[in-house]
Amino acid sequence: MSKNKSLMLGLGLIAGVVSGIVAGVLFAPQSGEESRKKLKDAACELYEKHSPAIKDAKKQALESIDLMKYKLERQLRKFNNMIKSKKLLKAKELEETDDEYNNY
């Protein structure tokens, strides 16, 4: 679980940095063209600087999603098997009751 917490912390940190940069550039007293250029440059610099961390976070997130998907599918199979066995037990009970009724 600590792996997920560190992943979420890292993603939150990255989102905070990006939001701060965007807010700083958008509210700066400059022309729109200058602001867009600075925003683009900052985004490219941020991506280049943190590209390995972003790729690692994405990989960890996808692995966590796959693990959760596997666990959910396994629980669903168990649940379906439980329902089937209860239906089989009920059918067996009905068959035994029917056999007892026919014997009289």
N, C-alpha and C. Protein backbone atom coordinates (compact mmCIF):
# COMPACT_ATOMS: atom_id res chain seq x y z
N MET A 1 0.81 -1.19 0.00
CA MET A 1 0.00 0.00 0.00
C MET A 1 0.86 1.26 0.00
N SER A 2 2.06 1.20 0.60
CA SER A 2 2.93 2.35 0.63
C SER A 2 3.41 2.72 -0.78
N LYS A 3 3.48 1.71 -1.65
CA LYS A 3 3.86 1.98 -3.04
C LYS A 3 2.81 2.86 -3.70
N ASN A 4 1.54 2.58 -3.44
CA ASN A 4 0.45 3.39 -4.00
C ASN A 4 0.47 4.79 -3.41
N LYS A 5 0.76 4.90 -2.11
CA LYS A 5 0.80 6.22 -1.47
C LYS A 5 1.92 7.06 -2.06
N SER A 6 3.09 6.45 -2.27
CA SER A 6 4.20 7.21 -2.83
C SER A 6 3.90 7.60 -4.27
N LEU A 7 3.22 6.73 -5.00
CA LEU A 7 2.83 7.05 -6.37
C LEU A 7 1.87 8.23 -6.39
N MET A 8 0.88 8.20 -5.49
CA MET A 8 -0.09 9.28 -5.44
C MET A 8 0.58 10.59 -5.01
N LEU A 9 1.53 10.49 -4.07
CA LEU A 9 2.26 11.68 -3.63
C LEU A 9 3.05 12.26 -4.79
N GLY A 10 3.72 11.40 -5.54
CA GLY A 10 4.50 11.86 -6.69
C GLY A 10 3.63 12.51 -7.75
N LEU A 11 2.49 11.88 -8.04
CA LEU A 11 1.58 12.46 -9.03
C LEU A 11 1.00 13.79 -8.54
N GLY A 12 0.69 13.85 -7.25
CA GLY A 12 0.18 15.10 -6.68
C GLY A 12 1.21 16.21 -6.73
N LEU A 13 2.46 15.84 -6.45
CA LEU A 13 3.54 16.81 -6.51
C LEU A 13 3.71 17.35 -7.93
N ILE A 14 3.71 16.45 -8.89
CA ILE A 14 3.84 16.87 -10.29
C ILE A 14 2.67 17.75 -10.71
N ALA A 15 1.46 17.36 -10.31
CA ALA A 15 0.28 18.17 -10.65
C ALA A 15 0.37 19.54 -10.02
N GLY A 16 0.87 19.62 -8.78
CA GLY A 16 1.02 20.91 -8.11
C GLY A 16 2.02 21.81 -8.80
N VAL A 17 3.14 21.23 -9.21
CA VAL A 17 4.17 22.00 -9.91
C VAL A 17 3.63 22.53 -11.22
N VAL A 18 2.96 21.66 -11.97
CA VAL A 18 2.41 22.07 -13.26
C VAL A 18 1.36 23.16 -13.06
N SER A 19 0.50 22.99 -12.08
CA SER A 19 -0.54 24.00 -11.81
C SER A 19 0.09 25.34 -11.43
N GLY A 20 1.13 25.29 -10.62
CA GLY A 20 1.82 26.52 -10.23
C GLY A 20 2.44 27.23 -11.40
N ILE A 21 3.07 26.48 -12.27
CA ILE A 21 3.68 27.08 -13.46
C ILE A 21 2.63 27.71 -14.35
N VAL A 22 1.56 26.96 -14.59
CA VAL A 22 0.48 27.47 -15.46
C VAL A 22 -0.12 28.74 -14.85
N ALA A 23 -0.42 28.71 -13.57
CA ALA A 23 -1.02 29.89 -12.92
C ALA A 23 -0.06 31.07 -12.98
N GLY A 24 1.22 30.82 -12.72
CA GLY A 24 2.20 31.90 -12.76
C GLY A 24 2.31 32.53 -14.13
N VAL A 25 2.31 31.72 -15.15
CA VAL A 25 2.44 32.25 -16.51
C VAL A 25 1.16 32.97 -16.94
N LEU A 26 0.01 32.41 -16.60
CA LEU A 26 -1.25 33.01 -17.04
C LEU A 26 -1.55 34.33 -16.35
N PHE A 27 -1.13 34.48 -15.11
CA PHE A 27 -1.42 35.71 -14.37
C PHE A 27 -0.30 36.73 -14.44
N ALA A 28 0.77 36.44 -15.17
CA ALA A 28 1.87 37.37 -15.34
C ALA A 28 1.44 38.49 -16.28
N PRO A 29 1.89 39.70 -16.01
CA PRO A 29 1.50 40.84 -16.88
C PRO A 29 2.32 40.88 -18.17
N GLN A 30 2.00 39.97 -19.08
CA GLN A 30 2.68 39.90 -20.37
C GLN A 30 1.64 39.71 -21.46
N SER A 31 2.07 39.84 -22.69
CA SER A 31 1.14 39.61 -23.80
C SER A 31 0.81 38.13 -23.90
N GLY A 32 -0.27 37.83 -24.57
CA GLY A 32 -0.70 36.45 -24.73
C GLY A 32 0.34 35.60 -25.44
N GLU A 33 0.98 36.16 -26.45
CA GLU A 33 1.98 35.41 -27.21
C GLU A 33 3.18 35.08 -26.33
N GLU A 34 3.63 36.04 -25.55
CA GLU A 34 4.76 35.80 -24.64
C GLU A 34 4.38 34.76 -23.59
N SER A 35 3.17 34.85 -23.07
CA SER A 35 2.72 33.92 -22.04
C SER A 35 2.64 32.50 -22.59
N ARG A 36 2.10 32.37 -23.79
CA ARG A 36 2.01 31.04 -24.40
C ARG A 36 3.39 30.44 -24.65
N LYS A 37 4.33 31.28 -25.12
CA LYS A 37 5.69 30.80 -25.37
C LYS A 37 6.34 30.36 -24.06
N LYS A 38 6.20 31.16 -23.01
CA LYS A 38 6.79 30.79 -21.72
C LYS A 38 6.15 29.52 -21.17
N LEU A 39 4.83 29.41 -21.33
CA LEU A 39 4.12 28.22 -20.85
C LEU A 39 4.60 26.98 -21.61
N LYS A 40 4.75 27.10 -22.91
CA LYS A 40 5.22 25.97 -23.71
C LYS A 40 6.64 25.59 -23.31
N ASP A 41 7.50 26.60 -23.15
CA ASP A 41 8.89 26.33 -22.76
C ASP A 41 8.96 25.67 -21.39
N ALA A 42 8.15 26.17 -20.45
CA ALA A 42 8.14 25.60 -19.10
C ALA A 42 7.64 24.16 -19.12
N ALA A 43 6.61 23.90 -19.91
CA ALA A 43 6.06 22.54 -20.00
C ALA A 43 7.09 21.59 -20.62
N CYS A 44 7.76 22.03 -21.66
CA CYS A 44 8.78 21.19 -22.30
C CYS A 44 9.94 20.93 -21.34
N GLU A 45 10.38 21.98 -20.64
CA GLU A 45 11.47 21.82 -19.67
C GLU A 45 11.08 20.86 -18.55
N LEU A 46 9.86 21.02 -18.06
CA LEU A 46 9.37 20.15 -16.99
C LEU A 46 9.31 18.70 -17.46
N TYR A 47 8.81 18.50 -18.67
CA TYR A 47 8.72 17.14 -19.21
C TYR A 47 10.10 16.53 -19.38
N GLU A 48 11.03 17.30 -19.94
CA GLU A 48 12.38 16.78 -20.14
C GLU A 48 13.06 16.45 -18.81
N LYS A 49 12.84 17.31 -17.81
CA LYS A 49 13.49 17.12 -16.51
C LYS A 49 12.91 15.93 -15.76
N HIS A 50 11.60 15.75 -15.86
CA HIS A 50 10.92 14.71 -15.07
C HIS A 50 10.40 13.55 -15.90
N SER A 51 10.84 13.43 -17.14
CA SER A 51 10.36 12.38 -18.02
C SER A 51 10.54 10.97 -17.44
N PRO A 52 11.71 10.63 -16.89
CA PRO A 52 11.86 9.29 -16.31
C PRO A 52 10.89 9.05 -15.15
N ALA A 53 10.72 10.05 -14.30
CA ALA A 53 9.81 9.90 -13.16
C ALA A 53 8.36 9.76 -13.63
N ILE A 54 8.01 10.50 -14.67
CA ILE A 54 6.65 10.41 -15.21
C ILE A 54 6.42 9.03 -15.81
N LYS A 55 7.39 8.54 -16.56
CA LYS A 55 7.26 7.21 -17.16
C LYS A 55 7.17 6.13 -16.09
N ASP A 56 7.98 6.27 -15.03
CA ASP A 56 7.96 5.30 -13.93
C ASP A 56 6.61 5.34 -13.21
N ALA A 57 6.10 6.55 -12.96
CA ALA A 57 4.80 6.68 -12.30
C ALA A 57 3.69 6.07 -13.15
N LYS A 58 3.76 6.30 -14.46
CA LYS A 58 2.76 5.73 -15.37
C LYS A 58 2.84 4.21 -15.35
N LYS A 59 4.07 3.67 -15.36
CA LYS A 59 4.25 2.23 -15.34
C LYS A 59 3.68 1.64 -14.05
N GLN A 60 3.97 2.27 -12.92
CA GLN A 60 3.46 1.80 -11.63
C GLN A 60 1.94 1.88 -11.58
N ALA A 61 1.38 2.94 -12.13
CA ALA A 61 -0.07 3.09 -12.13
C ALA A 61 -0.72 1.99 -12.97
N LEU A 62 -0.15 1.71 -14.13
CA LEU A 62 -0.70 0.66 -14.99
C LEU A 62 -0.57 -0.71 -14.34
N GLU A 63 0.56 -0.96 -13.64
CA GLU A 63 0.73 -2.23 -12.93
C GLU A 63 -0.31 -2.37 -11.82
N SER A 64 -0.55 -1.28 -11.11
CA SER A 64 -1.56 -1.30 -10.03
C SER A 64 -2.95 -1.57 -10.59
N ILE A 65 -3.25 -0.96 -11.72
CA ILE A 65 -4.55 -1.17 -12.36
C ILE A 65 -4.69 -2.63 -12.79
N ASP A 66 -3.63 -3.18 -13.39
CA ASP A 66 -3.67 -4.59 -13.81
C ASP A 66 -3.86 -5.52 -12.61
N LEU A 67 -3.17 -5.23 -11.51
CA LEU A 67 -3.30 -6.05 -10.31
C LEU A 67 -4.72 -5.98 -9.76
N MET A 68 -5.28 -4.78 -9.69
CA MET A 68 -6.65 -4.64 -9.19
C MET A 68 -7.65 -5.34 -10.12
N LYS A 69 -7.43 -5.24 -11.41
CA LYS A 69 -8.29 -5.92 -12.38
C LYS A 69 -8.25 -7.43 -12.17
N TYR A 70 -7.04 -7.97 -11.98
CA TYR A 70 -6.88 -9.40 -11.74
C TYR A 70 -7.60 -9.82 -10.47
N LYS A 71 -7.41 -9.04 -9.39
CA LYS A 71 -8.06 -9.37 -8.11
C LYS A 71 -9.58 -9.31 -8.22
N LEU A 72 -10.09 -8.30 -8.92
CA LEU A 72 -11.54 -8.20 -9.09
C LEU A 72 -12.10 -9.35 -9.92
N GLU A 73 -11.39 -9.71 -10.99
CA GLU A 73 -11.84 -10.84 -11.81
C GLU A 73 -11.83 -12.14 -11.01
N ARG A 74 -10.81 -12.32 -10.18
CA ARG A 74 -10.72 -13.52 -9.34
C ARG A 74 -11.88 -13.57 -8.33
N GLN A 75 -12.19 -12.43 -7.72
CA GLN A 75 -13.31 -12.38 -6.77
C GLN A 75 -14.64 -12.64 -7.48
N LEU A 76 -14.77 -12.11 -8.69
CA LEU A 76 -16.00 -12.34 -9.46
C LEU A 76 -16.16 -13.82 -9.79
N ARG A 77 -15.06 -14.49 -10.17
CA ARG A 77 -15.13 -15.93 -10.44
C ARG A 77 -15.54 -16.70 -9.19
N LYS A 78 -14.96 -16.33 -8.04
CA LYS A 78 -15.32 -16.99 -6.79
C LYS A 78 -16.80 -16.79 -6.48
N PHE A 79 -17.27 -15.58 -6.67
CA PHE A 79 -18.67 -15.27 -6.41
C PHE A 79 -19.59 -16.06 -7.34
N ASN A 80 -19.23 -16.11 -8.62
CA ASN A 80 -20.04 -16.88 -9.58
C ASN A 80 -20.05 -18.36 -9.24
N ASN A 81 -18.90 -18.89 -8.84
CA ASN A 81 -18.83 -20.30 -8.44
C ASN A 81 -19.68 -20.56 -7.21
N MET A 82 -19.66 -19.62 -6.28
CA MET A 82 -20.48 -19.76 -5.08
C MET A 82 -21.98 -19.79 -5.44
N ILE A 83 -22.38 -18.91 -6.34
CA ILE A 83 -23.78 -18.88 -6.77
C ILE A 83 -24.14 -20.19 -7.48
N LYS A 84 -23.27 -20.66 -8.36
CA LYS A 84 -23.55 -21.91 -9.07
C LYS A 84 -23.67 -23.08 -8.11
N SER A 85 -22.78 -23.16 -7.12
CA SER A 85 -22.86 -24.29 -6.19
C SER A 85 -24.12 -24.20 -5.32
N LYS A 86 -24.55 -22.99 -4.98
CA LYS A 86 -25.81 -22.86 -4.22
C LYS A 86 -26.99 -23.27 -5.08
N LYS A 87 -26.95 -22.93 -6.36
CA LYS A 87 -28.03 -23.34 -7.26
C LYS A 87 -28.05 -24.86 -7.40
N LEU A 88 -26.84 -25.45 -7.51
CA LEU A 88 -26.77 -26.91 -7.62
C LEU A 88 -27.30 -27.58 -6.36
N LEU A 89 -26.95 -27.04 -5.20
CA LEU A 89 -27.46 -27.59 -3.94
C LEU A 89 -28.98 -27.50 -3.88
N LYS A 90 -29.51 -26.37 -4.30
CA LYS A 90 -30.97 -26.19 -4.29
C LYS A 90 -31.62 -27.17 -5.26
N ALA A 91 -31.03 -27.34 -6.44
CA ALA A 91 -31.57 -28.28 -7.41
C ALA A 91 -31.53 -29.70 -6.87
N LYS A 92 -30.44 -30.05 -6.18
CA LYS A 92 -30.32 -31.38 -5.60
C LYS A 92 -31.39 -31.59 -4.52
N GLU A 93 -31.62 -30.58 -3.70
CA GLU A 93 -32.66 -30.66 -2.67
C GLU A 93 -34.04 -30.86 -3.31
N LEU A 94 -34.31 -30.11 -4.36
CA LEU A 94 -35.60 -30.23 -5.04
C LEU A 94 -35.75 -31.61 -5.66
N GLU A 95 -34.65 -32.13 -6.23
CA GLU A 95 -34.70 -33.46 -6.83
C GLU A 95 -34.96 -34.52 -5.76
N GLU A 96 -34.29 -34.40 -4.62
CA GLU A 96 -34.51 -35.35 -3.53
C GLU A 96 -35.94 -35.27 -3.01
N THR A 97 -36.46 -34.07 -2.89
CA THR A 97 -37.84 -33.89 -2.45
C THR A 97 -38.80 -34.50 -3.45
N ASP A 98 -38.51 -34.32 -4.73
CA ASP A 98 -39.35 -34.87 -5.78
C ASP A 98 -39.31 -36.40 -5.75
N ASP A 99 -38.10 -36.96 -5.54
CA ASP A 99 -37.95 -38.42 -5.45
C ASP A 99 -38.74 -38.96 -4.26
N GLU A 100 -38.70 -38.30 -3.13
CA GLU A 100 -39.44 -38.73 -1.96
C GLU A 100 -40.93 -38.69 -2.22
N TYR A 101 -41.37 -37.68 -2.92
CA TYR A 101 -42.79 -37.53 -3.25
C TYR A 101 -43.24 -38.64 -4.20
N ASN A 102 -42.38 -38.98 -5.18
CA ASN A 102 -42.74 -40.02 -6.15
C ASN A 102 -42.73 -41.43 -5.53
N ASN A 103 -41.98 -41.62 -4.46
CA ASN A 103 -41.90 -42.93 -3.80
C ASN A 103 -43.17 -43.25 -3.03
N TYR A 104 -43.96 -42.27 -2.71
CA TYR A 104 -45.19 -42.53 -1.96
C TYR A 104 -46.31 -42.84 -2.85
